[in-house]
Amino acid sequence: MRQAKERLAAGEVWSDLGLVFASTIGTAMEPRNVNRRFEQLRAAAGLDWLHLHDLRHAFATFLLDQGEELRTVMELLGHSTIRMTADTYGHVLPARARQAASAIDRIRGQEGTA
């Protein structure tokens, strides 16, 4: 809703670049402005320990924990290699490996009863 209001206010100056988070004229936000706004919101929420990059890390961790493919997460993060993603977020993967091992154990258990 806020962006729609900004679009109307900007009129012909608005640049429709399809951005979710855009400046008041539709262009990419200045990194300093993003950081400044994040700091304001963080302080208002009382989350002094939270850093902007933590949100990126949480995003990747949650996706991997929910079983999203490593390649998909790599592409969403803009990493150049899947290894970079695996090395950075590999701590999530052992839980997924345990789930896979449990699945194999269940299959093996079913074979013994057949």
C-alpha atoms as a PDB file:
ATOM      1  CA  MET A   1       0.000   0.000   0.000  1.00  0.00           C
ATOM      2  CA  ARG A   2       2.828   2.359   0.851  1.00  0.00           C
ATOM      3  CA  GLN A   3       4.484   1.757  -2.511  1.00  0.00           C
ATOM      4  CA  ALA A   4       1.210   2.361  -4.340  1.00  0.00           C
ATOM      5  CA  LYS A   5       0.890   5.720  -2.580  1.00  0.00           C
ATOM      6  CA  GLU A   6       4.480   6.597  -3.442  1.00  0.00           C
ATOM      7  CA  ARG A   7       3.862   5.626  -7.060  1.00  0.00           C
ATOM      8  CA  LEU A   8       0.879   7.969  -7.248  1.00  0.00           C
ATOM      9  CA  ALA A   9       2.788  10.778  -5.545  1.00  0.00           C
ATOM     10  CA  ALA A  10       5.771  10.379  -7.885  1.00  0.00           C
ATOM     11  CA  GLY A  11       3.642  10.426 -11.024  1.00  0.00           C
ATOM     12  CA  GLU A  12       5.715  10.322 -14.211  1.00  0.00           C
ATOM     13  CA  VAL A  13       8.961  10.354 -12.224  1.00  0.00           C
ATOM     14  CA  TRP A  14       8.230   6.807 -10.960  1.00  0.00           C
ATOM     15  CA  SER A  15      10.544   4.158 -12.421  1.00  0.00           C
ATOM     16  CA  ASP A  16       8.729   0.828 -12.484  1.00  0.00           C
ATOM     17  CA  LEU A  17      11.586  -1.612 -12.049  1.00  0.00           C
ATOM     18  CA  GLY A  18       9.479  -4.281 -10.363  1.00  0.00           C
ATOM     19  CA  LEU A  19      11.297  -3.883  -7.055  1.00  0.00           C
ATOM     20  CA  VAL A  20       9.691  -5.042  -3.838  1.00  0.00           C
ATOM     21  CA  PHE A  21      11.691  -2.542  -1.810  1.00  0.00           C
ATOM     22  CA  ALA A  22      12.062   0.637  -3.802  1.00  0.00           C
ATOM     23  CA  SER A  23      12.867   4.273  -3.185  1.00  0.00           C
ATOM     24  CA  THR A  24      10.052   6.810  -3.189  1.00  0.00           C
ATOM     25  CA  ILE A  25      10.469   7.100  -6.978  1.00  0.00           C
ATOM     26  CA  GLY A  26      10.698   3.367  -7.721  1.00  0.00           C
ATOM     27  CA  THR A  27      14.456   3.064  -8.112  1.00  0.00           C
ATOM     28  CA  ALA A  28      16.765   0.847  -6.074  1.00  0.00           C
ATOM     29  CA  MET A  29      17.194   2.042  -2.518  1.00  0.00           C
ATOM     30  CA  GLU A  30      20.492   3.582  -1.487  1.00  0.00           C
ATOM     31  CA  PRO A  31      22.342   1.129   0.795  1.00  0.00           C
ATOM     32  CA  ARG A  32      22.822   3.866   3.406  1.00  0.00           C
ATOM     33  CA  ASN A  33      19.074   4.436   3.523  1.00  0.00           C
ATOM     34  CA  VAL A  34      18.408   0.706   3.898  1.00  0.00           C
ATOM     35  CA  ASN A  35      20.896   0.534   6.767  1.00  0.00           C
ATOM     36  CA  ARG A  36      19.477   3.651   8.419  1.00  0.00           C
ATOM     37  CA  ARG A  37      15.905   2.365   8.243  1.00  0.00           C
ATOM     38  CA  PHE A  38      16.921  -1.065   9.514  1.00  0.00           C
ATOM     39  CA  GLU A  39      18.681   0.568  12.472  1.00  0.00           C
ATOM     40  CA  GLN A  40      15.524   2.551  13.278  1.00  0.00           C
ATOM     41  CA  LEU A  41      13.297  -0.522  13.146  1.00  0.00           C
ATOM     42  CA  ARG A  42      15.797  -2.619  15.109  1.00  0.00           C
ATOM     43  CA  ALA A  43      16.014  -0.014  17.877  1.00  0.00           C
ATOM     44  CA  ALA A  44      12.221   0.365  18.037  1.00  0.00           C
ATOM     45  CA  ALA A  45      11.870  -3.417  18.386  1.00  0.00           C
ATOM     46  CA  GLY A  46      14.568  -3.599  21.065  1.00  0.00           C
ATOM     47  CA  LEU A  47      16.694  -5.980  19.019  1.00  0.00           C
ATOM     48  CA  ASP A  48      20.086  -4.391  19.617  1.00  0.00           C
ATOM     49  CA  TRP A  49      21.852  -7.705  18.994  1.00  0.00           C
ATOM     50  CA  LEU A  50      20.374  -8.149  15.489  1.00  0.00           C
ATOM     51  CA  HIS A  51      22.428  -7.196  12.426  1.00  0.00           C
ATOM     52  CA  LEU A  52      21.105  -6.763   8.895  1.00  0.00           C
ATOM     53  CA  HIS A  53      23.216  -9.645   7.596  1.00  0.00           C
ATOM     54  CA  ASP A  54      21.603 -11.907  10.222  1.00  0.00           C
ATOM     55  CA  LEU A  55      18.385 -11.690   8.206  1.00  0.00           C
ATOM     56  CA  ARG A  56      20.132 -13.095   5.135  1.00  0.00           C
ATOM     57  CA  HIS A  57      21.620 -15.901   7.197  1.00  0.00           C
ATOM     58  CA  ALA A  58      18.236 -16.703   8.771  1.00  0.00           C
ATOM     59  CA  PHE A  59      16.605 -16.720   5.327  1.00  0.00           C
ATOM     60  CA  ALA A  60      19.028 -19.326   4.015  1.00  0.00           C
ATOM     61  CA  THR A  61      18.951 -21.395   7.193  1.00  0.00           C
ATOM     62  CA  PHE A  62      15.155 -21.549   7.273  1.00  0.00           C
ATOM     63  CA  LEU A  63      14.958 -22.547   3.606  1.00  0.00           C
ATOM     64  CA  LEU A  64      17.500 -25.337   4.023  1.00  0.00           C
ATOM     65  CA  ASP A  65      15.859 -26.532   7.229  1.00  0.00           C
ATOM     66  CA  GLN A  66      12.556 -26.782   5.380  1.00  0.00           C
ATOM     67  CA  GLY A  67      14.170 -29.017   2.775  1.00  0.00           C
ATOM     68  CA  GLU A  68      14.689 -26.489   0.005  1.00  0.00           C
ATOM     69  CA  GLU A  69      17.342 -27.562  -2.477  1.00  0.00           C
ATOM     70  CA  LEU A  70      20.825 -26.187  -1.955  1.00  0.00           C
ATOM     71  CA  ARG A  71      20.937 -24.974  -5.560  1.00  0.00           C
ATOM     72  CA  THR A  72      17.735 -22.976  -5.092  1.00  0.00           C
ATOM     73  CA  VAL A  73      19.116 -21.315  -1.968  1.00  0.00           C
ATOM     74  CA  MET A  74      22.372 -20.615  -3.821  1.00  0.00           C
ATOM     75  CA  GLU A  75      20.494 -18.848  -6.608  1.00  0.00           C
ATOM     76  CA  LEU A  76      18.307 -16.839  -4.240  1.00  0.00           C
ATOM     77  CA  LEU A  77      21.353 -15.646  -2.309  1.00  0.00           C
ATOM     78  CA  GLY A  78      23.260 -14.834  -5.498  1.00  0.00           C
ATOM     79  CA  HIS A  79      26.209 -17.068  -4.625  1.00  0.00           C
ATOM     80  CA  SER A  80      28.496 -17.911  -7.535  1.00  0.00           C
ATOM     81  CA  THR A  81      28.938 -21.554  -6.514  1.00  0.00           C
ATOM     82  CA  ILE A  82      26.945 -24.165  -4.659  1.00  0.00           C
ATOM     83  CA  ARG A  83      30.053 -24.858  -2.593  1.00  0.00           C
ATOM     84  CA  MET A  84      29.962 -21.329  -1.172  1.00  0.00           C
ATOM     85  CA  THR A  85      26.385 -21.893  -0.040  1.00  0.00           C
ATOM     86  CA  ALA A  86      27.167 -25.337   1.394  1.00  0.00           C
ATOM     87  CA  ASP A  87      30.260 -24.086   3.210  1.00  0.00           C
ATOM     88  CA  THR A  88      28.410 -21.109   4.684  1.00  0.00           C
ATOM     89  CA  TYR A  89      25.174 -22.853   5.627  1.00  0.00           C
ATOM     90  CA  GLY A  90      26.395 -26.418   6.049  1.00  0.00           C
ATOM     91  CA  HIS A  91      25.423 -26.439   9.716  1.00  0.00           C
ATOM     92  CA  VAL A  92      21.816 -26.950   8.616  1.00  0.00           C
ATOM     93  CA  LEU A  93      22.618 -29.927   6.419  1.00  0.00           C
ATOM     94  CA  PRO A  94      23.495 -32.482   9.169  1.00  0.00           C
ATOM     95  CA  ALA A  95      19.901 -32.379  10.412  1.00  0.00           C
ATOM     96  CA  ARG A  96      18.737 -33.105   6.878  1.00  0.00           C
ATOM     97  CA  ALA A  97      21.244 -35.979   6.646  1.00  0.00           C
ATOM     98  CA  ARG A  98      19.867 -37.475   9.883  1.00  0.00           C
ATOM     99  CA  GLN A  99      16.362 -37.298   8.448  1.00  0.00           C
ATOM    100  CA  ALA A 100      17.540 -39.080   5.307  1.00  0.00           C
ATOM    101  CA  ALA A 101      19.271 -41.769   7.370  1.00  0.00           C
ATOM    102  CA  SER A 102      16.085 -42.279   9.394  1.00  0.00           C
ATOM    103  CA  ALA A 103      14.123 -42.662   6.165  1.00  0.00           C
ATOM    104  CA  ILE A 104      16.520 -45.379   4.996  1.00  0.00           C
ATOM    105  CA  ASP A 105      16.202 -47.121   8.371  1.00  0.00           C
ATOM    106  CA  ARG A 106      12.406 -47.092   8.022  1.00  0.00           C
ATOM    107  CA  ILE A 107      12.644 -48.585   4.535  1.00  0.00           C
ATOM    108  CA  ARG A 108      15.044 -51.260   5.740  1.00  0.00           C
ATOM    109  CA  GLY A 109      12.668 -52.030   8.620  1.00  0.00           C
ATOM    110  CA  GLN A 110       9.809 -52.475   6.166  1.00  0.00           C
ATOM    111  CA  GLU A 111      11.861 -54.888   4.069  1.00  0.00           C
ATOM    112  CA  GLY A 112      12.430 -57.095   7.093  1.00  0.00           C
ATOM    113  CA  THR A 113       8.697 -57.373   7.726  1.00  0.00           C
ATOM    114  CA  ALA A 114       7.743 -58.192   4.150  1.00  0.00           C
END
